PDB file of N, CA and C in Angstrom:
ATOM      1  N   MET A   1      73.791  29.123 189.746  1.00  0.00           N
ATOM      2  CA  MET A   1      74.027  30.629 190.298  1.00  0.00           C
ATOM      3  C   MET A   1      75.465  31.563 189.945  1.00  0.00           C
ATOM      4  N   PHE A   2      76.456  30.981 190.123  1.00  0.00           N
ATOM      5  CA  PHE A   2      77.157  31.092 190.815  1.00  0.00           C
ATOM      6  C   PHE A   2      78.553  31.598 189.324  1.00  0.00           C
ATOM      7  N   LEU A   3      77.886  29.693 188.570  1.00  0.00           N
ATOM      8  CA  LEU A   3      78.449  29.505 187.311  1.00  0.00           C
ATOM      9  C   LEU A   3      77.989  30.327 186.326  1.00  0.00           C
ATOM     10  N   THR A   4      77.118  30.675 186.618  1.00  0.00           N
ATOM     11  CA  THR A   4      76.765  31.569 185.160  1.00  0.00           C
ATOM     12  C   THR A   4      77.106  33.183 185.712  1.00  0.00           C
ATOM     13  N   ILE A   5      77.467  33.750 187.212  1.00  0.00           N
ATOM     14  CA  ILE A   5      78.384  34.930 187.660  1.00  0.00           C
ATOM     15  C   ILE A   5      79.997  34.853 186.537  1.00  0.00           C
ATOM     16  N   LEU A   6      79.728  33.500 187.148  1.00  0.00           N
ATOM     17  CA  LEU A   6      81.533  33.667 186.923  1.00  0.00           C
ATOM     18  C   LEU A   6      81.401  33.262 185.189  1.00  0.00           C
ATOM     19  N   HIS A   7      81.087  33.207 184.076  1.00  0.00           N
ATOM     20  CA  HIS A   7      80.968  33.165 183.210  1.00  0.00           C
ATOM     21  C   HIS A   7      80.799  34.316 182.076  1.00  0.00           C
ATOM     22  N   ALA A   8      79.736  35.272 183.278  1.00  0.00           N
ATOM     23  CA  ALA A   8      79.363  36.376 182.507  1.00  0.00           C
ATOM     24  C   ALA A   8      80.929  37.304 183.043  1.00  0.00           C
ATOM     25  N   LYS A   9      81.489  36.991 183.547  1.00  0.00           N
ATOM     26  CA  LYS A   9      82.551  37.923 184.739  1.00  0.00           C
ATOM     27  C   LYS A   9      83.765  37.596 182.977  1.00  0.00           C
ATOM     28  N   ALA A  10      83.779  36.370 183.493  1.00  0.00           N
ATOM     29  CA  ALA A  10      85.016  36.412 182.022  1.00  0.00           C
ATOM     30  C   ALA A  10      84.348  36.717 180.526  1.00  0.00           C
ATOM     31  N   GLU A  11      83.978  36.866 180.655  1.00  0.00           N
ATOM     32  CA  GLU A  11      83.533  37.043 178.821  1.00  0.00           C
ATOM     33  C   GLU A  11      83.970  38.776 178.981  1.00  0.00           C
ATOM     34  N   SER A  12      83.411  39.155 179.829  1.00  0.00           N
ATOM     35  CA  SER A  12      83.167  40.714 179.653  1.00  0.00           C
ATOM     36  C   SER A  12      84.980  40.853 180.360  1.00  0.00           C
ATOM     37  N   ALA A  13      85.523  39.583 180.625  1.00  0.00           N
ATOM     38  CA  ALA A  13      87.235  40.558 180.662  1.00  0.00           C
ATOM     39  C   ALA A  13      87.842  39.383 179.998  1.00  0.00           C
ATOM     40  N   GLY A  14      86.595  39.169 178.372  1.00  0.00           N
ATOM     41  CA  GLY A  14      88.319  38.504 177.206  1.00  0.00           C
ATOM     42  C   GLY A  14      88.771  37.759 177.944  1.00  0.00           C
ATOM     43  N   ARG A  15      87.720  36.509 178.834  1.00  0.00           N
ATOM     44  CA  ARG A  15      88.482  35.293 179.864  1.00  0.00           C
ATOM     45  C   ARG A  15      87.649  34.109 179.001  1.00  0.00           C
ATOM     46  N   GLU A  16      88.541  32.778 179.935  1.00  0.00           N
ATOM     47  CA  GLU A  16      87.326  31.830 178.978  1.00  0.00           C
ATOM     48  C   GLU A  16      86.741  30.704 180.202  1.00  0.00           C
ATOM     49  N   VAL A  17      86.091  30.214 180.264  1.00  0.00           N
ATOM     50  CA  VAL A  17      85.819  29.382 181.885  1.00  0.00           C
ATOM     51  C   VAL A  17      85.311  27.737 180.927  1.00  0.00           C
ATOM     52  N   ILE A  18      86.480  26.856 181.666  1.00  0.00           N
ATOM     53  CA  ILE A  18      86.690  25.802 180.777  1.00  0.00           C
ATOM     54  C   ILE A  18      86.601  24.708 181.920  1.00  0.00           C
ATOM     55  N   ALA A  19      85.289  24.028 182.208  1.00  0.00           N
ATOM     56  CA  ALA A  19      84.634  23.051 183.836  1.00  0.00           C
ATOM     57  C   ALA A  19      85.484  22.107 183.120  1.00  0.00           C
ATOM     58  N   VAL A  20      86.809  21.252 184.649  1.00  0.00           N
ATOM     59  CA  VAL A  20      86.822  20.253 184.195  1.00  0.00           C
ATOM     60  C   VAL A  20      86.540  19.345 185.318  1.00  0.00           C
ATOM     61  N   ASP A  21      86.694  18.508 185.303  1.00  0.00           N
ATOM     62  CA  ASP A  21      86.313  17.566 186.606  1.00  0.00           C
ATOM     63  C   ASP A  21      87.165  17.501 187.786  1.00  0.00           C
ATOM     64  N   PRO A  22      87.100  17.936 188.619  1.00  0.00           N
ATOM     65  CA  PRO A  22      88.381  18.520 190.449  1.00  0.00           C
ATOM     66  C   PRO A  22      88.378  16.804 190.541  1.00  0.00           C
ATOM     67  N   ARG A  23      88.109  15.250 190.517  1.00  0.00           N
ATOM     68  CA  ARG A  23      87.763  14.382 191.858  1.00  0.00           C
ATOM     69  C   ARG A  23      89.714  14.068 190.917  1.00  0.00           C
ATOM     70  N   ASN A  24      89.986  13.559 192.286  1.00  0.00           N
ATOM     71  CA  ASN A  24      91.522  13.226 192.633  1.00  0.00           C
ATOM     72  C   ASN A  24      92.874  14.308 191.679  1.00  0.00           C
ATOM     73  N   THR A  25      92.711  15.360 191.530  1.00  0.00           N
ATOM     74  CA  THR A  25      93.515  16.387 191.080  1.00  0.00           C
ATOM     75  C   THR A  25      94.699  16.837 191.874  1.00  0.00           C
ATOM     76  N   SER A  26      94.340  16.894 193.652  1.00  0.00           N
ATOM     77  CA  SER A  26      95.090  16.481 194.284  1.00  0.00           C
ATOM     78  C   SER A  26      95.517  15.483 195.107  1.00  0.00           C
ATOM     79  N   ARG A  27      95.772  14.625 193.983  1.00  0.00           N
ATOM     80  CA  ARG A  27      96.600  12.628 194.921  1.00  0.00           C
ATOM     81  C   ARG A  27      96.527  12.826 193.369  1.00  0.00           C
ATOM     82  N   THR A  28      96.935  13.021 192.495  1.00  0.00           N
ATOM     83  CA  THR A  28      97.292  12.620 191.188  1.00  0.00           C
ATOM     84  C   THR A  28      99.142  13.484 191.691  1.00  0.00           C
ATOM     85  N   CYS A  29     100.413  12.325 191.140  1.00  0.00           N
ATOM     86  CA  CYS A  29     101.477  13.240 190.658  1.00  0.00           C
ATOM     87  C   CYS A  29     101.713  13.709 189.863  1.00  0.00           C
ATOM     88  N   PRO A  30     101.323  15.313 189.418  1.00  0.00           N
ATOM     89  CA  PRO A  30     101.853  15.945 188.452  1.00  0.00           C
ATOM     90  C   PRO A  30     103.504  15.377 187.099  1.00  0.00           C
ATOM     91  N   GLU A  31     104.421  14.959 188.442  1.00  0.00           N
ATOM     92  CA  GLU A  31     105.530  15.001 188.016  1.00  0.00           C
ATOM     93  C   GLU A  31     105.898  13.077 187.376  1.00  0.00           C
ATOM     94  N   CYS A  32     104.613  12.056 187.705  1.00  0.00           N
ATOM     95  CA  CYS A  32     104.743  10.687 187.430  1.00  0.00           C
ATOM     96  C   CYS A  32     103.429  10.730 186.480  1.00  0.00           C
ATOM     97  N   GLY A  33     101.884  10.882 187.547  1.00  0.00           N
ATOM     98  CA  GLY A  33     101.488  10.890 186.786  1.00  0.00           C
ATOM     99  C   GLY A  33      99.267   9.816 187.986  1.00  0.00           C
ATOM    100  N   HIS A  34     100.923   8.741 188.762  1.00  0.00           N
ATOM    101  CA  HIS A  34     100.423   8.190 190.366  1.00  0.00           C
ATOM    102  C   HIS A  34      99.688   8.958 190.470  1.00  0.00           C
ATOM    103  N   VAL A  35      98.481   7.414 191.024  1.00  0.00           N
ATOM    104  CA  VAL A  35      97.623   8.255 191.662  1.00  0.00           C
ATOM    105  C   VAL A  35      96.668   7.497 193.253  1.00  0.00           C
ATOM    106  N   SER A  36      97.113   8.299 193.783  1.00  0.00           N
ATOM    107  CA  SER A  36      96.621   7.428 195.546  1.00  0.00           C
ATOM    108  C   SER A  36      96.381   8.899 196.632  1.00  0.00           C
ATOM    109  N   ALA A  37      95.335   8.119 197.693  1.00  0.00           N
ATOM    110  CA  ALA A  37      95.212   8.741 198.106  1.00  0.00           C
ATOM    111  C   ALA A  37      96.204   9.406 199.100  1.00  0.00           C
ATOM    112  N   GLU A  38      97.524   8.119 199.569  1.00  0.00           N
ATOM    113  CA  GLU A  38      98.469   8.761 200.600  1.00  0.00           C
ATOM    114  C   GLU A  38      99.802   9.215 199.493  1.00  0.00           C
ATOM    115  N   ASN A  39      99.238   9.929 198.395  1.00  0.00           N
ATOM    116  CA  ASN A  39      99.702  10.939 197.943  1.00  0.00           C
ATOM    117  C   ASN A  39      99.681  12.289 198.621  1.00  0.00           C
ATOM    118  N   ARG A  40      98.697  12.162 199.415  1.00  0.00           N
ATOM    119  CA  ARG A  40      98.167  13.319 200.802  1.00  0.00           C
ATOM    120  C   ARG A  40      98.941  12.905 202.103  1.00  0.00           C
ATOM    121  N   PRO A  41      99.641  13.302 202.266  1.00  0.00           N
ATOM    122  CA  PRO A  41      99.295  12.670 204.027  1.00  0.00           C
ATOM    123  C   PRO A  41      99.563  13.046 204.853  1.00  0.00           C
ATOM    124  N   THR A  42      98.601  14.526 204.726  1.00  0.00           N
ATOM    125  CA  THR A  42      98.144  16.043 205.140  1.00  0.00           C
ATOM    126  C   THR A  42      97.618  16.756 204.186  1.00  0.00           C
ATOM    127  N   GLN A  43      95.807  17.103 204.933  1.00  0.00           N
ATOM    128  CA  GLN A  43      95.477  18.853 203.716  1.00  0.00           C
ATOM    129  C   GLN A  43      96.273  19.588 203.407  1.00  0.00           C
ATOM    130  N   ASP A  44      97.504  19.505 203.632  1.00  0.00           N
ATOM    131  CA  ASP A  44      98.331  21.245 203.060  1.00  0.00           C
ATOM    132  C   ASP A  44      99.637  20.230 201.982  1.00  0.00           C
ATOM    133  N   LYS A  45     100.298  18.719 202.117  1.00  0.00           N
ATOM    134  CA  LYS A  45     101.199  18.582 201.915  1.00  0.00           C
ATOM    135  C   LYS A  45     100.387  17.644 200.983  1.00  0.00           C
ATOM    136  N   PHE A  46     101.661  17.293 199.880  1.00  0.00           N
ATOM    137  CA  PHE A  46     101.835  16.465 198.709  1.00  0.00           C
ATOM    138  C   PHE A  46     103.124  15.505 198.771  1.00  0.00           C
ATOM    139  N   HIS A  47     103.089  14.528 198.511  1.00  0.00           N
ATOM    140  CA  HIS A  47     104.532  13.539 198.651  1.00  0.00           C
ATOM    141  C   HIS A  47     103.653  12.345 197.337  1.00  0.00           C
ATOM    142  N   CYS A  48     104.871  12.077 196.697  1.00  0.00           N
ATOM    143  CA  CYS A  48     104.274  11.378 196.068  1.00  0.00           C
ATOM    144  C   CYS A  48     104.915  10.200 196.096  1.00  0.00           C
ATOM    145  N   VAL A  49     104.010   9.302 196.524  1.00  0.00           N
ATOM    146  CA  VAL A  49     104.287   7.767 196.930  1.00  0.00           C
ATOM    147  C   VAL A  49     105.649   6.618 195.424  1.00  0.00           C
ATOM    148  N   ALA A  50     105.371   7.532 194.302  1.00  0.00           N
ATOM    149  CA  ALA A  50     105.970   5.759 193.747  1.00  0.00           C
ATOM    150  C   ALA A  50     107.698   7.353 193.309  1.00  0.00           C
ATOM    151  N   CYS A  51     107.221   8.345 193.565  1.00  0.00           N
ATOM    152  CA  CYS A  51     107.951   9.249 192.275  1.00  0.00           C
ATOM    153  C   CYS A  51     109.190   9.563 193.321  1.00  0.00           C
ATOM    154  N   GLY A  52     108.630  10.203 194.868  1.00  0.00           N
ATOM    155  CA  GLY A  52     108.851  11.149 195.698  1.00  0.00           C
ATOM    156  C   GLY A  52     108.878  12.549 195.575  1.00  0.00           C
ATOM    157  N   HIS A  53     107.500  12.752 194.695  1.00  0.00           N
ATOM    158  CA  HIS A  53     108.115  14.309 193.771  1.00  0.00           C
ATOM    159  C   HIS A  53     107.107  15.235 195.299  1.00  0.00           C
ATOM    160  N   THR A  54     107.068  16.075 196.026  1.00  0.00           N
ATOM    161  CA  THR A  54     106.970  16.505 197.390  1.00  0.00           C
ATOM    162  C   THR A  54     106.116  18.787 196.313  1.00  0.00           C
ATOM    163  N   ALA A  55     105.230  18.633 197.052  1.00  0.00           N
ATOM    164  CA  ALA A  55     104.872  20.046 196.988  1.00  0.00           C
ATOM    165  C   ALA A  55     103.760  20.552 197.872  1.00  0.00           C
ATOM    166  N   HIS A  56     102.896  21.427 197.582  1.00  0.00           N
ATOM    167  CA  HIS A  56     102.024  21.564 198.455  1.00  0.00           C
ATOM    168  C   HIS A  56     101.252  21.147 197.468  1.00  0.00           C
ATOM    169  N   ALA A  57     100.276  20.354 198.213  1.00  0.00           N
ATOM    170  CA  ALA A  57      98.356  20.036 197.585  1.00  0.00           C
ATOM    171  C   ALA A  57      97.821  20.737 197.319  1.00  0.00           C
ATOM    172  N   ASP A  58      98.056  22.066 197.404  1.00  0.00           N
ATOM    173  CA  ASP A  58      96.871  22.982 196.746  1.00  0.00           C
ATOM    174  C   ASP A  58      97.513  23.782 195.209  1.00  0.00           C
ATOM    175  N   THR A  59      99.272  23.696 194.994  1.00  0.00           N
ATOM    176  CA  THR A  59      99.727  23.359 194.533  1.00  0.00           C
ATOM    177  C   THR A  59      99.972  22.672 192.877  1.00  0.00           C
ATOM    178  N   VAL A  60      99.445  21.460 194.002  1.00  0.00           N
ATOM    179  CA  VAL A  60      99.586  20.667 192.597  1.00  0.00           C
ATOM    180  C   VAL A  60      98.132  20.209 192.202  1.00  0.00           C
ATOM    181  N   GLY A  61      96.924  20.273 193.128  1.00  0.00           N
ATOM    182  CA  GLY A  61      95.440  20.664 192.464  1.00  0.00           C
ATOM    183  C   GLY A  61      95.343  21.379 191.456  1.00  0.00           C
ATOM    184  N   ALA A  62      95.633  22.602 192.167  1.00  0.00           N
ATOM    185  CA  ALA A  62      95.824  23.409 190.777  1.00  0.00           C
ATOM    186  C   ALA A  62      96.473  23.359 189.292  1.00  0.00           C
ATOM    187  N   LEU A  63      98.095  22.757 189.569  1.00  0.00           N
ATOM    188  CA  LEU A  63      98.317  22.480 188.032  1.00  0.00           C
ATOM    189  C   LEU A  63      97.446  21.777 187.335  1.00  0.00           C
ATOM    190  N   ASN A  64      97.687  19.829 188.441  1.00  0.00           N
ATOM    191  CA  ASN A  64      96.351  19.160 187.341  1.00  0.00           C
ATOM    192  C   ASN A  64      94.456  19.890 186.727  1.00  0.00           C
ATOM    193  N   VAL A  65      94.700  20.747 187.613  1.00  0.00           N
ATOM    194  CA  VAL A  65      93.547  21.669 187.022  1.00  0.00           C
ATOM    195  C   VAL A  65      93.819  21.887 185.816  1.00  0.00           C
ATOM    196  N   LEU A  66      94.659  22.991 185.758  1.00  0.00           N
ATOM    197  CA  LEU A  66      95.777  23.815 184.142  1.00  0.00           C
ATOM    198  C   LEU A  66      95.036  22.960 183.218  1.00  0.00           C
ATOM    199  N   ARG A  67      96.222  21.983 183.563  1.00  0.00           N
ATOM    200  CA  ARG A  67      96.385  21.044 182.206  1.00  0.00           C
ATOM    201  C   ARG A  67      95.237  20.259 181.396  1.00  0.00           C
ATOM    202  N   ALA A  68      94.418  19.655 183.011  1.00  0.00           N
ATOM    203  CA  ALA A  68      93.155  18.526 182.214  1.00  0.00           C
ATOM    204  C   ALA A  68      92.105  20.359 181.479  1.00  0.00           C
ATOM    205  N   GLY A  69      92.862  21.301 181.860  1.00  0.00           N
ATOM    206  CA  GLY A  69      91.947  22.413 181.185  1.00  0.00           C
ATOM    207  C   GLY A  69      91.905  22.645 179.687  1.00  0.00           C
ATOM    208  N   LEU A  70      93.594  22.949 180.014  1.00  0.00           N
ATOM    209  CA  LEU A  70      94.297  23.134 178.232  1.00  0.00           C
ATOM    210  C   LEU A  70      93.775  22.150 178.043  1.00  0.00           C
ATOM    211  N   VAL A  71      93.970  20.510 178.079  1.00  0.00           N
ATOM    212  CA  VAL A  71      93.572  19.248 177.215  1.00  0.00           C
ATOM    213  C   VAL A  71      91.813  19.005 176.469  1.00  0.00           C
ATOM    214  N   ARG A  72      91.553  19.799 177.605  1.00  0.00           N
ATOM    215  CA  ARG A  72      90.137  19.869 177.242  1.00  0.00           C
ATOM    216  C   ARG A  72      89.730  21.234 175.693  1.00  0.00           C
ATOM    217  N   ARG A  73      90.578  22.450 175.950  1.00  0.00           N
ATOM    218  CA  ARG A  73      90.548  23.250 174.974  1.00  0.00           C
ATOM    219  C   ARG A  73      91.083  22.977 174.297  1.00  0.00           C
ATOM    220  N   GLU A  74      91.233  22.180 174.026  1.00  0.00           N
ATOM    221  CA  GLU A  74      93.367  21.747 172.463  1.00  0.00           C
ATOM    222  C   GLU A  74      91.760  20.391 172.255  1.00  0.00           C
ATOM    223  N   ALA A  75      91.156  20.021 173.026  1.00  0.00           N
ATOM    224  CA  ALA A  75      90.086  18.631 172.468  1.00  0.00           C
ATOM    225  C   ALA A  75      89.296  19.581 171.234  1.00  0.00           C
ATOM    226  N   PRO A  76      88.638  18.240 170.330  1.00  0.00           N
ATOM    227  CA  PRO A  76      87.983  18.841 169.120  1.00  0.00           C
ATOM    228  C   PRO A  76      86.285  18.785 169.897  1.00  0.00           C
ATOM    229  N   PRO A  77      86.254  19.241 168.923  1.00  0.00           N
ATOM    230  CA  PRO A  77      84.118  19.803 169.725  1.00  0.00           C
ATOM    231  C   PRO A  77      83.550  18.486 169.353  1.00  0.00           C
ATOM    232  N   ALA A  78      82.777  17.731 170.922  1.00  0.00           N
ATOM    233  CA  ALA A  78      82.408  17.104 170.695  1.00  0.00           C
ATOM    234  C   ALA A  78      80.630  16.223 169.623  1.00  0.00           C
TER     235      ALA A  78
END
């Protein structure tokens, strides 16, 4: 139900909804790509154990979701 409403609202605003797999989006380093549960030492902190990149975990997750959506948008139709 939520996705139906979201798609309708996006369409009426001239926007596009692209579904992406959220798994590991807040555990993946946006700088080096390293994926590890240890990259999330707390609920809100992100610290990559491979390269040392630090940020708020929500920011990291949002950036990774955005990148995944852009990749899907550019992918040829299946």
